[in-house]
């Protein structure tokens, strides 16, 4: 068992096996820097600020601004680690793959299990918030809204949250059409929601009253800490940028840059929105209110038109979060499936759309169920603690990889190393403490279930079974993985040589044919073919 838990998959192997399924059907590198930044903004800005702001105010009062700053510091420190690892290991597995390359298979599986909370369960939570703002928009524009029976969970007096199910299914429909179409839609929605939040700040600051900020920390340090744990939900999603590692042009440069730009823009925006909200309306009037931003604008302007615009922006913003986070979840499951740790259906890529169609629909259906039946507040703390745990793993992974692979190319290096990852671990731990004992208990049970799945399924079907304890694998192309052979363009088979050469070829980088004993080239999207004897991925 110990040998299974400590099996390590090298960064070269992770990169070499990326970009295609076992049948050779490949993903396509279509996203540039602008699309990736919009993708990150699309994943972050949504329910957390449009809906969760009022919950943060309920905990921290006017000190909500400090709570957002504290949550932002945690994210920025961890963002340095994500940026370094995202440039060094640009694959779709994100935190899961980083743990596999440094901490072993057992830690990797549990990290992937935690990411179900960050991505899958948060999709359910975000979809619930979408329904709240959809009703606000309908009320503002048409004077009516969906009946509570069809827009609320059973515990809130309804039967089924239909809007939450609809937005998840629409996101899945767009995702299976192709990443290019999804990226365009996300970019448009990201620009729109940034504009709406800028409009909110302009309106709220026009009615700013300094008296609303006193008493500033009415609930003391405990309130700020608890508020920061709630506010952290607003930042969940920036790491989704790393799940696009196999569909981004020039990923070693683009991923780190996109992460830092995205987290900087969002942090500034959130602090402005929080300050404007508390200044425009007192904390007591904002705390615990659904669709809080629309409420503030309506109160400030004395009409419903402003709130209707904000509600429209929220509907678009939250829909983009559902889209991008669902995308991230499918890519992480694809990576885990490609490694044999979960069923192979999640790794199958459609040759027509170059997307994991079956896995996308499974994710949509599974997480539409809690979205329809469970209220938002039940899953917020559990999602937060799962995300923070995954971030702790990333910070530990960057420390471990610096020690084990100092030679690995790193286009971005965390500044003042090792302070950022160490401080990131401390901050994550502090926010985990703020979630409370009930969330700790729920998370402990969740981890035990994940450990049982690994013991019962993952360790027996891992593609690293038989690899010695702590050993790192060499990279092999997906279609040739079972034998270790490379398939050439004319159908002949040669023995794979350097895992690093395959890894560079998988990223579209040039490889010296003399050094590898053959030539490695790119032929079609996501595929690498070899001529002679060398590294390669089966042609498609």
Protein backbone atom coordinates (compact mmCIF):
# COMPACT_ATOMS: atom_id res chain seq x y z
CA UNK A 1 0.00 0.00 0.00
CA UNK A 2 2.78 2.45 0.92
CA UNK A 3 4.46 1.81 -2.42
CA UNK A 4 1.22 2.64 -4.23
CA UNK A 5 0.72 5.88 -2.31
CA UNK A 6 4.23 7.15 -3.09
CA UNK A 7 4.35 6.36 -6.83
CA UNK A 8 5.43 9.52 -8.64
CA UNK A 9 4.82 10.50 -12.26
CA UNK A 10 7.56 12.75 -13.60
CA UNK A 11 6.82 16.17 -15.12
CA UNK A 12 8.22 14.93 -18.45
CA UNK A 13 5.80 12.00 -18.43
CA UNK A 14 2.84 14.22 -17.58
CA UNK A 15 3.64 16.60 -20.43
CA UNK A 16 4.42 13.85 -22.93
CA UNK A 17 1.11 12.10 -22.29
CA UNK A 18 -0.93 15.30 -22.46
CA UNK A 19 -3.02 16.55 -25.34
CA UNK A 20 -4.65 13.27 -26.42
CA UNK A 21 -6.54 10.22 -25.20
CA UNK A 22 -5.39 6.61 -25.56
CA UNK A 23 -6.98 6.42 -29.01
CA UNK A 24 -4.90 9.38 -30.20
CA UNK A 25 -7.78 11.86 -30.40
CA UNK A 26 -6.25 15.19 -29.47
CA UNK A 27 -7.13 18.53 -27.90
CA UNK A 28 -6.45 21.73 -29.84
CA UNK A 29 -4.30 24.66 -28.78
CA UNK A 30 -6.57 27.60 -29.66
CA UNK A 31 -6.44 30.02 -26.68
CA UNK A 32 -4.11 33.00 -26.48
CA UNK A 33 -3.32 35.33 -23.56
CA UNK A 34 -6.43 37.51 -23.87
CA UNK A 35 -8.76 34.53 -24.07
CA UNK A 36 -7.03 32.89 -21.10
CA UNK A 37 -7.25 36.03 -18.92
CA UNK A 38 -10.95 36.30 -19.82
CA UNK A 39 -11.28 32.61 -19.00
CA UNK A 40 -9.81 33.28 -15.54
CA UNK A 41 -12.03 36.30 -14.94
CA UNK A 42 -14.97 34.23 -16.15
CA UNK A 43 -14.13 31.51 -13.62
CA UNK A 44 -13.75 33.89 -10.67
CA UNK A 45 -16.20 36.78 -10.89
CA UNK A 46 -19.70 35.51 -10.23
CA UNK A 47 -21.72 34.21 -7.29
CA UNK A 48 -19.01 35.04 -4.74
CA UNK A 49 -19.26 38.81 -5.30
CA UNK A 50 -22.82 39.13 -6.63
CA UNK A 51 -24.44 36.82 -4.06
CA UNK A 52 -21.83 35.97 -1.40
CA UNK A 53 -20.95 39.61 -0.61
CA UNK A 54 -23.94 39.89 1.73
CA UNK A 55 -22.79 36.78 3.63
CA UNK A 56 -19.33 38.28 4.09
CA UNK A 57 -20.88 41.52 5.36
CA UNK A 58 -22.96 39.53 7.85
CA UNK A 59 -19.75 38.11 9.34
CA UNK A 60 -17.32 41.04 9.13
CA UNK A 61 -19.53 44.15 8.96
CA UNK A 62 -17.78 47.20 7.43
CA UNK A 63 -14.48 45.30 7.83
CA UNK A 64 -15.60 43.31 4.79
CA UNK A 65 -12.96 45.22 2.84
CA UNK A 66 -10.24 43.82 5.13
CA UNK A 67 -11.78 40.35 4.81
CA UNK A 68 -11.49 40.58 1.01
CA UNK A 69 -7.89 41.79 1.30
CA UNK A 70 -6.99 38.89 3.61
CA UNK A 71 -8.57 36.40 1.21
CA UNK A 72 -6.75 38.11 -1.68
CA UNK A 73 -3.36 37.84 0.07
CA UNK A 74 -3.90 34.11 0.45
CA UNK A 75 -4.74 33.83 -3.24
CA UNK A 76 -1.81 35.97 -4.38
CA UNK A 77 0.71 33.95 -2.37
CA UNK A 78 -0.68 30.72 -3.80
CA UNK A 79 -0.98 32.28 -7.27
CA UNK A 80 2.83 32.53 -7.34
CA UNK A 81 3.01 28.77 -6.83
CA UNK A 82 0.34 28.10 -9.45
CA UNK A 83 2.14 30.37 -11.92
CA UNK A 84 5.47 28.58 -11.42
CA UNK A 85 3.99 25.09 -11.67
CA UNK A 86 1.65 26.06 -14.51
CA UNK A 87 4.63 27.17 -16.57
CA UNK A 88 6.80 24.19 -15.62
CA UNK A 89 4.08 21.50 -16.02
CA UNK A 90 1.48 22.92 -18.46
CA UNK A 91 -1.09 20.11 -18.38
CA UNK A 92 -4.83 19.97 -17.72
CA UNK A 93 -4.61 18.26 -14.33
CA UNK A 94 -3.76 21.44 -12.38
CA UNK A 95 -3.22 20.73 -8.64
CA UNK A 96 -3.80 17.01 -9.17
CA UNK A 97 -0.94 16.73 -11.68
CA UNK A 98 1.39 18.86 -9.56
CA UNK A 99 0.80 16.55 -6.59
CA UNK A 100 1.38 13.49 -8.79
CA UNK A 101 4.76 14.88 -9.87
CA UNK A 102 5.94 15.63 -6.34
CA UNK A 103 3.99 14.01 -3.51
CA UNK A 104 2.91 10.68 -4.96
CA UNK A 105 -0.18 8.97 -6.29
CA UNK A 106 -2.15 8.82 -3.03
CA UNK A 107 -1.83 12.55 -2.39
CA UNK A 108 -2.63 13.23 -6.05
CA UNK A 109 -5.85 11.21 -5.94
CA UNK A 110 -7.05 12.97 -2.77
CA UNK A 111 -6.13 16.33 -4.30
CA UNK A 112 -8.23 15.48 -7.34
CA UNK A 113 -10.99 14.43 -4.95
CA UNK A 114 -10.75 17.83 -3.21
CA UNK A 115 -10.99 19.52 -6.61
CA UNK A 116 -14.44 17.97 -6.96
CA UNK A 117 -15.42 20.39 -4.21
CA UNK A 118 -13.68 23.37 -5.80
CA UNK A 119 -15.04 22.75 -9.27
CA UNK A 120 -17.96 20.33 -9.31
CA UNK A 121 -19.69 21.24 -6.05
CA UNK A 122 -19.02 24.95 -6.56
CA UNK A 123 -20.78 24.69 -9.93
CA UNK A 124 -23.87 23.62 -8.00
CA UNK A 125 -23.48 26.53 -5.58
CA UNK A 126 -22.91 29.04 -8.38
CA UNK A 127 -25.93 27.78 -10.31
CA UNK A 128 -28.14 28.34 -7.24
CA UNK A 129 -26.99 31.99 -7.14
CA UNK A 130 -27.79 32.33 -10.84
CA UNK A 131 -31.41 31.48 -10.13
CA UNK A 132 -31.63 34.23 -7.49
CA UNK A 133 -30.47 36.94 -9.89
CA UNK A 134 -32.56 35.57 -12.76
CA UNK A 135 -35.65 36.12 -10.63
CA UNK A 136 -34.46 39.64 -9.75
CA UNK A 137 -33.97 40.40 -13.46
CA UNK A 138 -37.42 39.07 -14.38
CA UNK A 139 -39.01 41.10 -11.60
CA UNK A 140 -37.22 44.29 -12.68
CA UNK A 141 -37.97 43.95 -16.40
CA UNK A 142 -41.31 42.16 -16.55
CA UNK A 143 -42.76 42.65 -13.08
CA UNK A 144 -43.03 38.92 -12.34
CA UNK A 145 -40.73 36.08 -11.38
CA UNK A 146 -40.60 32.32 -11.35
CA UNK A 147 -42.69 30.68 -8.62
CA UNK A 148 -40.77 29.58 -5.53
CA UNK A 149 -41.72 25.98 -6.23
CA UNK A 150 -39.62 26.05 -9.42
CA UNK A 151 -36.78 28.33 -8.30
CA UNK A 152 -35.96 27.11 -4.78
CA UNK A 153 -34.68 23.93 -3.16
CA UNK A 154 -37.02 21.78 -1.03
CA UNK A 155 -35.43 23.08 2.18
CA UNK A 156 -36.33 26.63 1.09
CA UNK A 157 -39.97 25.79 0.43
CA UNK A 158 -39.66 24.87 -3.24
CA UNK A 159 -39.73 21.66 -5.21
CA UNK A 160 -36.88 22.04 -7.69
CA UNK A 161 -34.45 24.83 -8.60
CA UNK A 162 -35.09 24.72 -12.35
CA UNK A 163 -32.90 27.73 -13.30
CA UNK A 164 -29.88 26.10 -11.64
CA UNK A 165 -30.34 22.95 -13.70
CA UNK A 166 -30.89 24.91 -16.93
CA UNK A 167 -27.70 26.99 -16.64
CA UNK A 168 -25.56 23.88 -16.00
CA UNK A 169 -27.03 22.08 -19.01
CA UNK A 170 -26.57 25.11 -21.26
CA UNK A 171 -22.92 25.35 -20.18
CA UNK A 172 -22.37 21.67 -21.01
CA UNK A 173 -24.01 22.13 -24.42
CA UNK A 174 -21.62 24.96 -25.26
CA UNK A 175 -18.55 23.12 -23.93
CA UNK A 176 -19.10 20.00 -26.04
CA UNK A 177 -19.19 22.15 -29.20
CA UNK A 178 -15.51 23.01 -28.85
CA UNK A 179 -13.06 25.07 -26.80
CA UNK A 180 -12.84 27.85 -29.41
CA UNK A 181 -16.57 28.55 -29.15
CA UNK A 182 -16.45 28.36 -25.35
CA UNK A 183 -13.48 30.76 -25.20
CA UNK A 184 -15.26 33.34 -27.37
CA UNK A 185 -18.40 33.18 -25.25
CA UNK A 186 -16.38 33.46 -22.04
CA UNK A 187 -14.43 36.49 -23.31
CA UNK A 188 -17.64 38.33 -24.22
CA UNK A 189 -19.24 37.56 -20.86
CA UNK A 190 -16.09 38.55 -18.94
CA UNK A 191 -15.93 41.99 -20.58
CA UNK A 192 -19.65 42.53 -19.94
CA UNK A 193 -19.57 41.65 -16.25
CA UNK A 194 -16.49 43.78 -15.58
CA UNK A 195 -18.39 46.68 -17.13
CA UNK A 196 -21.43 46.02 -14.94
CA UNK A 197 -19.33 45.94 -11.75
CA UNK A 198 -17.63 49.18 -12.81
CA UNK A 199 -21.09 50.72 -13.23
CA UNK A 200 -22.07 49.50 -9.76
CA UNK A 201 -18.99 51.13 -8.22
CA UNK A 202 -19.77 54.43 -9.97
CA UNK A 203 -23.36 54.45 -8.67
CA UNK A 204 -22.54 53.29 -5.12
CA UNK A 205 -19.59 55.66 -4.68
CA UNK A 206 -21.87 58.56 -5.68
CA UNK A 207 -23.87 57.87 -2.51
CA UNK A 208 -20.86 57.03 -0.32
CA UNK A 209 -21.28 57.89 3.38
CA UNK A 210 -18.27 57.53 5.67
CA UNK A 211 -20.58 56.93 8.61
CA UNK A 212 -21.53 53.55 7.18
CA UNK A 213 -17.99 52.36 7.94
CA UNK A 214 -18.35 52.72 11.72
CA UNK A 215 -18.02 50.76 13.87
CA UNK A 216 -15.54 49.28 11.44
CA UNK A 217 -14.84 45.85 13.00
CA UNK A 218 -17.98 45.38 15.04
CA UNK A 219 -17.41 41.63 15.42
CA UNK A 220 -13.69 41.88 16.16
CA UNK A 221 -10.89 39.78 14.72
CA UNK A 222 -13.03 36.63 14.81
CA UNK A 223 -15.57 38.32 12.54
CA UNK A 224 -12.87 39.42 10.08
CA UNK A 225 -11.41 35.90 10.01
CA UNK A 226 -14.81 34.31 9.47
CA UNK A 227 -15.60 36.93 6.84
CA UNK A 228 -12.33 36.24 5.04
CA UNK A 229 -13.19 32.53 4.90
CA UNK A 230 -16.54 33.43 3.31
CA UNK A 231 -14.96 36.03 1.00
CA UNK A 232 -12.47 33.44 -0.19
CA UNK A 233 -15.30 31.77 -2.10
CA UNK A 234 -15.32 34.88 -4.32
CA UNK A 235 -11.76 34.12 -5.47
CA UNK A 236 -12.28 30.45 -6.24
CA UNK A 237 -11.54 29.75 -9.88
CA UNK A 238 -8.28 31.57 -10.68
CA UNK A 239 -6.47 28.24 -10.71
CA UNK A 240 -8.87 27.07 -13.43
CA UNK A 241 -6.46 28.81 -15.80
CA UNK A 242 -4.03 25.93 -15.29
CA UNK A 243 -6.66 23.38 -16.41
CA UNK A 244 -6.38 24.88 -19.91
CA UNK A 245 -2.70 23.89 -20.11
CA UNK A 246 -3.25 21.52 -23.03
CA UNK A 247 -5.36 23.95 -25.08
CA UNK A 248 -3.28 27.15 -24.78
CA UNK A 249 -0.76 28.47 -27.27
CA UNK A 250 2.76 28.78 -25.82
CA UNK A 251 1.58 27.52 -22.40
CA UNK A 252 4.87 27.96 -20.53
CA UNK A 253 4.67 31.72 -21.01
CA UNK A 254 0.92 32.27 -21.30
CA UNK A 255 -0.27 30.43 -18.16
CA UNK A 256 1.90 32.24 -15.55
CA UNK A 257 1.21 35.63 -17.12
CA UNK A 258 -2.54 35.04 -17.29
CA UNK A 259 -2.67 33.95 -13.63
CA UNK A 260 -0.90 37.07 -12.35
CA UNK A 261 -2.89 39.49 -14.55
CA UNK A 262 -6.17 37.84 -13.61
CA UNK A 263 -5.63 37.75 -9.84
CA UNK A 264 -4.44 41.38 -9.85
CA UNK A 265 -7.48 42.66 -11.77
CA UNK A 266 -9.95 40.70 -9.68
CA UNK A 267 -8.42 41.70 -6.33
CA UNK A 268 -8.57 45.40 -7.19
CA UNK A 269 -12.13 45.05 -8.47
CA UNK A 270 -13.37 43.16 -5.39
CA UNK A 271 -11.93 45.65 -2.93
CA UNK A 272 -13.56 48.52 -4.83
CA UNK A 273 -16.93 46.73 -4.97
CA UNK A 274 -16.83 45.86 -1.25
CA UNK A 275 -15.93 49.43 -0.26
CA UNK A 276 -18.58 50.92 -2.56
CA UNK A 277 -21.24 48.53 -1.25
CA UNK A 278 -20.63 49.29 2.43
CA UNK A 279 -20.27 53.02 1.77
CA UNK A 280 -23.45 53.17 -0.27
CA UNK A 281 -25.64 51.28 2.20
CA UNK A 282 -25.08 50.35 5.84
CA UNK A 283 -23.78 46.89 6.72
CA UNK A 284 -27.01 46.06 8.55
CA UNK A 285 -29.07 46.71 5.42
CA UNK A 286 -26.76 44.63 3.19
CA UNK A 287 -26.06 41.65 5.49
CA UNK A 288 -27.77 38.43 4.48
CA UNK A 289 -29.74 39.95 1.60
CA UNK A 290 -30.04 37.99 -1.68
CA UNK A 291 -29.08 39.92 -4.85
CA UNK A 292 -27.36 42.49 -2.61
CA UNK A 293 -25.78 44.57 -5.39
CA UNK A 294 -29.14 45.10 -7.10
CA UNK A 295 -30.65 46.07 -3.74
CA UNK A 296 -27.94 48.69 -3.16
CA UNK A 297 -28.36 50.24 -6.61
CA UNK A 298 -32.15 50.33 -6.24
CA UNK A 299 -31.84 52.06 -2.86
CA UNK A 300 -29.28 54.56 -4.10
CA UNK A 301 -31.06 55.47 -7.35
CA UNK A 302 -34.61 55.19 -6.00
CA UNK A 303 -35.70 53.15 -9.02
CA UNK A 304 -35.62 49.58 -10.29
CA UNK A 305 -33.80 50.19 -13.58
CA UNK A 306 -30.33 50.25 -12.01
CA UNK A 307 -30.98 47.04 -10.12
CA UNK A 308 -32.21 45.46 -13.34
CA UNK A 309 -28.91 46.26 -15.07
CA UNK A 310 -26.93 44.81 -12.19
CA UNK A 311 -29.15 41.72 -12.18
CA UNK A 312 -28.54 41.28 -15.93
CA UNK A 313 -24.79 41.54 -15.35
CA UNK A 314 -25.03 39.00 -12.55
CA UNK A 315 -26.97 36.56 -14.73
CA UNK A 316 -24.24 36.80 -17.39
CA UNK A 317 -21.41 36.72 -14.84
CA UNK A 318 -22.65 33.68 -12.99
CA UNK A 319 -23.38 31.83 -16.23
CA UNK A 320 -19.75 32.37 -17.30
CA UNK A 321 -18.54 30.93 -13.97
CA UNK A 322 -20.66 27.82 -14.52
CA UNK A 323 -19.18 27.50 -18.01
CA UNK A 324 -15.53 27.89 -17.06
CA UNK A 325 -15.63 25.90 -13.83
CA UNK A 326 -17.42 23.02 -15.56
CA UNK A 327 -14.66 23.15 -18.18
CA UNK A 328 -12.00 22.92 -15.47
CA UNK A 329 -13.70 19.98 -13.78
CA UNK A 330 -13.91 17.99 -17.02
CA UNK A 331 -10.20 18.55 -17.75
CA UNK A 332 -9.11 17.45 -14.28
CA UNK A 333 -11.23 14.30 -14.52
CA UNK A 334 -9.77 13.72 -18.00
CA UNK A 335 -6.25 13.81 -16.54
CA UNK A 336 -7.15 11.44 -13.69
CA UNK A 337 -8.85 9.06 -16.11
CA UNK A 338 -5.85 9.14 -18.46
CA UNK A 339 -3.76 7.98 -15.49
CA UNK A 340 -6.17 5.12 -14.82
CA UNK A 341 -7.34 6.39 -11.42
CA UNK A 342 -10.99 6.84 -12.44
CA UNK A 343 -13.06 5.18 -15.22
CA UNK A 344 -11.80 5.67 -18.81
CA UNK A 345 -14.99 7.32 -20.05
CA UNK A 346 -13.78 10.68 -18.69
CA UNK A 347 -10.66 10.60 -20.91
CA UNK A 348 -12.42 9.96 -24.21
CA UNK A 349 -12.04 12.88 -26.61
CA UNK A 350 -14.38 13.38 -29.53
CA UNK A 351 -12.41 13.43 -32.81
CA UNK A 352 -14.98 15.87 -34.25
CA UNK A 353 -15.08 18.54 -31.52
CA UNK A 354 -11.77 17.75 -29.74
CA UNK A 355 -13.57 17.81 -26.38
CA UNK A 356 -14.37 15.15 -23.73
CA UNK A 357 -18.06 14.99 -24.65
CA UNK A 358 -19.12 12.04 -22.49
CA UNK A 359 -17.24 13.33 -19.44
CA UNK A 360 -18.78 16.79 -19.85
CA UNK A 361 -22.34 15.47 -19.86
CA UNK A 362 -21.68 13.19 -16.89
CA UNK A 363 -20.33 16.14 -14.88
CA UNK A 364 -23.32 18.29 -15.87
CA UNK A 365 -25.90 15.69 -14.88
CA UNK A 366 -24.21 14.73 -11.59
CA UNK A 367 -23.82 18.29 -10.33
CA UNK A 368 -27.20 19.48 -11.57
CA UNK A 369 -28.77 17.27 -8.89
CA UNK A 370 -27.41 19.14 -5.83
CA UNK A 371 -27.96 22.45 -7.65
CA UNK A 372 -31.64 21.59 -7.95
CA UNK A 373 -32.10 20.30 -4.41
CA UNK A 374 -29.52 21.88 -2.04
CA UNK A 375 -29.45 25.54 -0.86
CA UNK A 376 -26.36 27.67 -1.49
CA UNK A 377 -25.18 28.06 2.13
CA UNK A 378 -24.93 24.28 2.70
CA UNK A 379 -22.06 23.88 0.22
CA UNK A 380 -20.18 27.19 0.57
CA UNK A 381 -17.97 26.24 3.56
CA UNK A 382 -17.30 22.73 2.26
CA UNK A 383 -16.27 24.12 -1.15
CA UNK A 384 -14.00 26.66 0.52
CA UNK A 385 -12.19 24.13 2.73
CA UNK A 386 -11.67 21.76 -0.23
CA UNK A 387 -10.20 24.56 -2.32
CA UNK A 388 -7.90 25.73 0.48
CA UNK A 389 -6.63 22.18 0.98
CA UNK A 390 -5.81 21.89 -2.73
CA UNK A 391 -3.93 25.20 -2.47
CA UNK A 392 -1.89 23.90 0.45
CA UNK A 393 -0.93 20.94 -1.75
CA UNK A 394 0.16 23.29 -4.57
CA UNK A 395 2.36 25.32 -2.20
CA UNK A 396 3.95 22.14 -0.86
CA UNK A 397 4.40 20.86 -4.42
CA UNK A 398 6.32 23.92 -5.58
CA UNK A 399 8.67 23.51 -2.61
CA UNK A 400 9.16 19.81 -3.38
CA UNK A 401 9.71 20.32 -7.12
CA UNK A 402 12.35 23.00 -6.55
CA UNK A 403 14.24 20.39 -4.53
CA UNK A 404 13.68 17.32 -6.72
CA UNK A 405 13.89 18.95 -10.18
CA UNK A 406 16.01 22.10 -10.02
CA UNK A 407 16.82 21.61 -13.73
CA UNK A 408 13.17 21.78 -14.88
CA UNK A 409 12.50 24.79 -17.18
CA UNK A 410 10.60 27.46 -15.22
CA UNK A 411 9.61 30.52 -17.27
CA UNK A 412 8.20 32.01 -14.06
CA UNK A 413 9.73 31.61 -10.61
CA UNK A 414 7.98 32.61 -7.39
CA UNK A 415 9.77 35.73 -6.04
CA UNK A 416 11.46 35.71 -2.63
CA UNK A 417 11.33 31.91 -2.61
CA UNK A 418 10.52 30.07 -0.34
CA UNK A 419 8.53 32.79 1.48
CA UNK A 420 5.43 32.88 -0.82
CA UNK A 421 4.60 29.16 -0.63
CA UNK A 422 5.36 29.00 3.10
CA UNK A 423 3.20 32.04 3.82
CA UNK A 424 0.56 30.64 1.47
CA UNK A 425 0.38 27.46 3.55
CA UNK A 426 0.00 29.50 6.75
CA UNK A 427 -2.73 31.72 5.26
CA UNK A 428 -4.65 28.76 3.85
CA UNK A 429 -4.49 27.06 7.23
CA UNK A 430 -5.76 30.22 8.92
CA UNK A 431 -8.77 30.43 6.59
CA UNK A 432 -9.47 26.71 7.03
CA UNK A 433 -9.61 27.38 10.77
CA UNK A 434 -12.17 30.11 10.11
CA UNK A 435 -14.62 27.74 8.36
CA UNK A 436 -15.60 26.16 11.68
CA UNK A 437 -15.78 22.69 13.17
CA UNK A 438 -18.90 21.61 11.23
CA UNK A 439 -17.08 22.14 7.93
CA UNK A 440 -14.02 20.28 9.27
CA UNK A 441 -16.17 17.27 10.13
CA UNK A 442 -17.90 17.26 6.74
CA UNK A 443 -14.55 17.55 4.99
CA UNK A 444 -13.03 14.75 7.05
CA UNK A 445 -15.86 12.43 6.03
CA UNK A 446 -15.44 13.55 2.42
CA UNK A 447 -11.72 12.67 2.52
CA UNK A 448 -12.43 9.24 4.02
CA UNK A 449 -14.81 8.49 1.14
CA UNK A 450 -12.12 9.57 -1.34
CA UNK A 451 -9.51 7.38 0.35
CA UNK A 452 -11.89 4.43 0.11
CA UNK A 453 -12.36 5.00 -3.63
CA UNK A 454 -8.60 5.12 -4.17
CA UNK A 455 -8.01 1.92 -2.21
CA UNK A 456 -10.90 0.11 -3.88
CA UNK A 457 -10.44 1.33 -7.46
CA UNK A 458 -7.63 3.77 -8.26
CA UNK A 459 -4.57 1.96 -6.94
CA UNK A 460 -5.46 -1.27 -8.75
CA UNK A 461 -6.04 0.41 -12.13
CA UNK A 462 -3.30 3.01 -12.06
CA UNK A 463 -1.08 3.06 -15.14
CA UNK A 464 1.86 3.21 -12.75
CA UNK A 465 1.10 -0.14 -11.12
CA UNK A 466 4.33 -2.06 -10.91
CA UNK A 467 6.45 1.10 -10.72
CA UNK A 468 8.76 1.01 -7.65
CA UNK A 469 7.99 3.22 -4.64
CA UNK A 470 8.78 6.87 -5.28
CA UNK A 471 10.05 6.15 -8.79
CA UNK A 472 9.39 8.65 -11.56
CA UNK A 473 8.15 7.45 -14.94
CA UNK A 474 9.51 8.35 -18.34
CA UNK A 475 7.18 10.15 -20.72
CA UNK A 476 5.50 8.18 -23.47
CA UNK A 477 2.96 9.21 -26.03
CA UNK A 478 -0.66 8.30 -25.24
CA UNK A 479 -1.24 5.95 -28.17
CA UNK A 480 2.06 4.18 -27.49
CA UNK A 481 1.84 4.26 -23.71
CA UNK A 482 1.09 0.61 -23.18
CA UNK A 483 4.25 -0.60 -24.93
CA UNK A 484 6.54 2.39 -24.62
CA UNK A 485 6.88 2.47 -28.40
CA UNK A 486 6.58 5.53 -30.61
CA UNK A 487 4.48 5.31 -33.75
CA UNK A 488 6.00 6.91 -36.79
CA UNK A 489 4.19 8.67 -39.61
CA UNK A 490 4.53 5.67 -41.87
CA UNK A 491 3.14 3.26 -39.29
CA UNK A 492 6.45 1.78 -38.17
CA UNK A 493 7.22 1.48 -34.49
CA UNK A 494 10.31 2.64 -32.68
CA UNK A 495 11.37 2.63 -29.05
CA UNK A 496 10.77 5.91 -27.19
CA UNK A 497 13.96 7.57 -26.06
CA UNK A 498 13.93 10.69 -23.94
CA UNK A 499 10.85 11.59 -21.93
CA UNK A 500 11.99 15.21 -21.99
CA UNK A 501 12.04 15.19 -25.79
CA UNK A 502 8.49 13.89 -25.93
CA UNK A 503 7.47 16.52 -23.42
CA UNK A 504 8.94 19.34 -25.48
CA UNK A 505 7.34 17.99 -28.62
CA UNK A 506 3.97 17.76 -26.88
CA UNK A 507 4.21 21.51 -26.23
CA UNK A 508 5.02 22.21 -29.85
CA UNK A 509 8.68 22.99 -29.13
CA UNK A 510 11.44 22.00 -31.52
CA UNK A 511 13.48 18.92 -30.68
CA UNK A 512 16.97 18.16 -31.98
CA UNK A 513 16.65 15.04 -34.15
CA UNK A 514 20.26 14.10 -33.53
CA UNK A 515 19.79 14.26 -29.79
CA UNK A 516 16.69 12.10 -29.89
CA UNK A 517 17.84 9.65 -32.55
CA UNK A 518 15.15 10.72 -35.00
CA UNK A 519 12.83 13.65 -35.59
CA UNK A 520 9.83 14.83 -33.71
CA UNK A 521 7.29 17.09 -35.33
CA UNK A 522 3.76 18.39 -35.05
CA UNK A 523 1.18 16.94 -37.39
CA UNK A 524 -2.33 18.21 -36.86
CA UNK A 525 -3.81 19.50 -33.65
CA UNK A 526 -2.53 17.88 -30.54
CA UNK A 527 -0.49 15.16 -32.26
CA UNK A 528 3.21 14.47 -32.55
CA UNK A 529 4.64 12.01 -35.03
CA UNK A 530 8.14 10.64 -35.31
CA UNK A 531 10.16 9.45 -38.24
CA UNK A 532 12.98 7.01 -37.75
CA UNK A 533 13.64 6.11 -34.15
CA UNK A 534 12.70 8.72 -31.52
CA UNK A 535 9.92 10.07 -29.41
CA UNK A 536 6.47 10.69 -30.74
CA UNK A 537 2.77 10.59 -30.36
CA UNK A 538 0.65 8.50 -32.65
CA UNK A 539 -0.73 10.43 -35.61
CA UNK A 540 -4.42 11.05 -35.69
